Amino acid sequence: METKTHYLFCDLKDDDHLIAEYKAYHQNVWPEILKSIKDSGIVNMEIYNKGNRLFMVMEVMNGFSFERKADMDANNPKVQEWEILMWSYQQKVPMAKEGEKWLLLDRIFKL
């Protein structure tokens, strides 16, 4: 199985209490969310945190599409409930377009 890795970032609201709550939710992610992640072609996902910055590593199957994932999510009420809840902890980064939360990082160096 050939895969590809994507790296993304997002910011949380800069509030220690909210950041702690966000982390707690991610220690017990709803089963419907885990299923939707896997069903979209994501084979591994990790989220890292420092301060109010989040960093995500996504390993996806060849053929994965962010557009298809967005369509799947838009038609899944439980995912929409999760996204609304998570948005109460997240904030738009300055360079994000309307509706964007997680932004892809551009590789600028590889050894």
Protein backbone atom coordinates (compact mmCIF):
# COMPACT_ATOMS: atom_id res chain seq x y z
CA MET A 1 0.00 0.00 0.00
CA GLU A 2 1.53 3.26 -1.11
CA THR A 3 0.83 6.32 1.02
CA LYS A 4 1.51 10.04 1.09
CA THR A 5 2.05 12.28 4.13
CA HIS A 6 0.54 15.73 4.61
CA TYR A 7 1.53 18.25 7.29
CA LEU A 8 -0.99 20.83 8.51
CA PHE A 9 -1.32 23.43 11.23
CA CYS A 10 -4.10 25.19 13.07
CA ASP A 11 -4.30 27.55 16.04
CA LEU A 12 -6.29 27.26 19.22
CA LYS A 13 -7.69 30.21 21.13
CA ASP A 14 -4.92 31.34 23.46
CA ASP A 15 -6.62 30.31 26.69
CA ASP A 16 -5.09 27.65 28.95
CA HIS A 17 -8.49 26.34 30.09
CA LEU A 18 -9.79 25.96 26.51
CA ILE A 19 -6.53 24.33 25.38
CA ALA A 20 -6.81 21.80 28.22
CA GLU A 21 -10.41 21.00 27.23
CA TYR A 22 -9.39 20.58 23.58
CA LYS A 23 -6.63 18.16 24.59
CA ALA A 24 -9.09 16.20 26.77
CA TYR A 25 -11.49 15.75 23.84
CA HIS A 26 -8.62 14.33 21.81
CA GLN A 27 -7.90 11.72 24.47
CA ASN A 28 -11.39 10.32 23.85
CA VAL A 29 -12.33 11.09 20.25
CA TRP A 30 -15.88 10.03 19.39
CA PRO A 31 -15.99 6.66 17.57
CA GLU A 32 -17.98 8.17 14.69
CA ILE A 33 -15.15 10.66 14.10
CA LEU A 34 -12.50 7.94 14.09
CA LYS A 35 -14.60 5.95 11.60
CA SER A 36 -15.04 8.97 9.30
CA ILE A 37 -11.28 9.61 9.36
CA LYS A 38 -10.50 6.01 8.39
CA ASP A 39 -13.30 5.83 5.81
CA SER A 40 -11.84 8.85 4.00
CA GLY A 41 -8.54 7.08 3.29
CA ILE A 42 -6.49 8.41 6.20
CA VAL A 43 -4.39 5.56 7.56
CA ASN A 44 -2.63 7.45 10.35
CA MET A 45 -3.15 10.83 11.97
CA GLU A 46 -1.22 12.50 14.77
CA ILE A 47 -1.75 15.93 16.31
CA TYR A 48 0.97 17.74 18.27
CA ASN A 49 0.61 20.85 20.40
CA LYS A 50 2.79 23.66 21.71
CA GLY A 51 1.12 26.67 23.30
CA ASN A 52 -1.90 27.42 21.14
CA ARG A 53 -0.36 25.96 17.94
CA LEU A 54 -1.43 22.56 16.60
CA PHE A 55 0.55 20.48 14.11
CA MET A 56 -1.04 17.52 12.30
CA VAL A 57 0.63 14.68 10.43
CA MET A 58 -1.71 12.77 8.12
CA GLU A 59 -0.67 9.63 6.30
CA VAL A 60 -3.15 8.97 3.51
CA MET A 61 -3.71 6.28 0.92
CA ASN A 62 -2.96 7.14 -2.69
CA GLY A 63 -6.18 8.53 -4.12
CA PHE A 64 -7.06 10.43 -0.92
CA SER A 65 -8.73 13.73 -1.68
CA PHE A 66 -9.27 16.67 0.67
CA GLU A 67 -12.31 17.60 -1.45
CA ARG A 68 -13.84 14.12 -1.07
CA LYS A 69 -13.14 14.22 2.68
CA ALA A 70 -14.85 17.63 2.91
CA ASP A 71 -17.90 16.28 1.02
CA MET A 72 -18.07 13.23 3.29
CA ASP A 73 -17.80 15.44 6.38
CA ALA A 74 -20.47 17.87 5.14
CA ASN A 75 -22.92 14.96 4.82
CA ASN A 76 -22.17 13.44 8.23
CA PRO A 77 -24.17 15.08 11.08
CA LYS A 78 -21.89 13.64 13.80
CA VAL A 79 -18.78 15.04 12.07
CA GLN A 80 -20.52 18.41 11.76
CA GLU A 81 -21.35 18.32 15.48
CA TRP A 82 -17.67 17.54 16.28
CA GLU A 83 -16.41 20.29 13.94
CA ILE A 84 -18.70 22.90 15.50
CA LEU A 85 -17.53 21.84 18.96
CA MET A 86 -13.83 21.94 17.93
CA TRP A 87 -14.26 25.36 16.32
CA SER A 88 -15.22 26.70 19.76
CA TYR A 89 -11.58 25.99 20.73
CA GLN A 90 -9.87 26.85 17.44
CA GLN A 91 -9.27 30.20 15.79
CA LYS A 92 -8.68 31.28 12.22
CA VAL A 93 -5.02 31.87 11.40
CA PRO A 94 -4.36 35.19 9.64
CA MET A 95 -3.55 33.71 6.20
CA ALA A 96 -6.54 31.34 6.16
CA LYS A 97 -9.36 31.88 3.72
CA GLU A 98 -12.95 31.98 4.92
CA GLY A 99 -13.96 28.55 6.21
CA GLU A 100 -10.39 27.20 6.44
CA LYS A 101 -9.11 25.87 9.75
CA TRP A 102 -6.28 23.41 9.11
CA LEU A 103 -3.76 24.70 6.55
CA LEU A 104 -1.28 22.60 4.62
CA LEU A 105 2.37 23.39 5.28
CA ASP A 106 4.80 23.79 2.40
CA ARG A 107 8.05 21.83 2.65
CA ILE A 108 11.00 24.19 2.35
CA PHE A 109 13.81 21.78 3.23
CA LYS A 110 14.55 18.05 3.21
CA LEU A 111 17.88 16.36 3.97
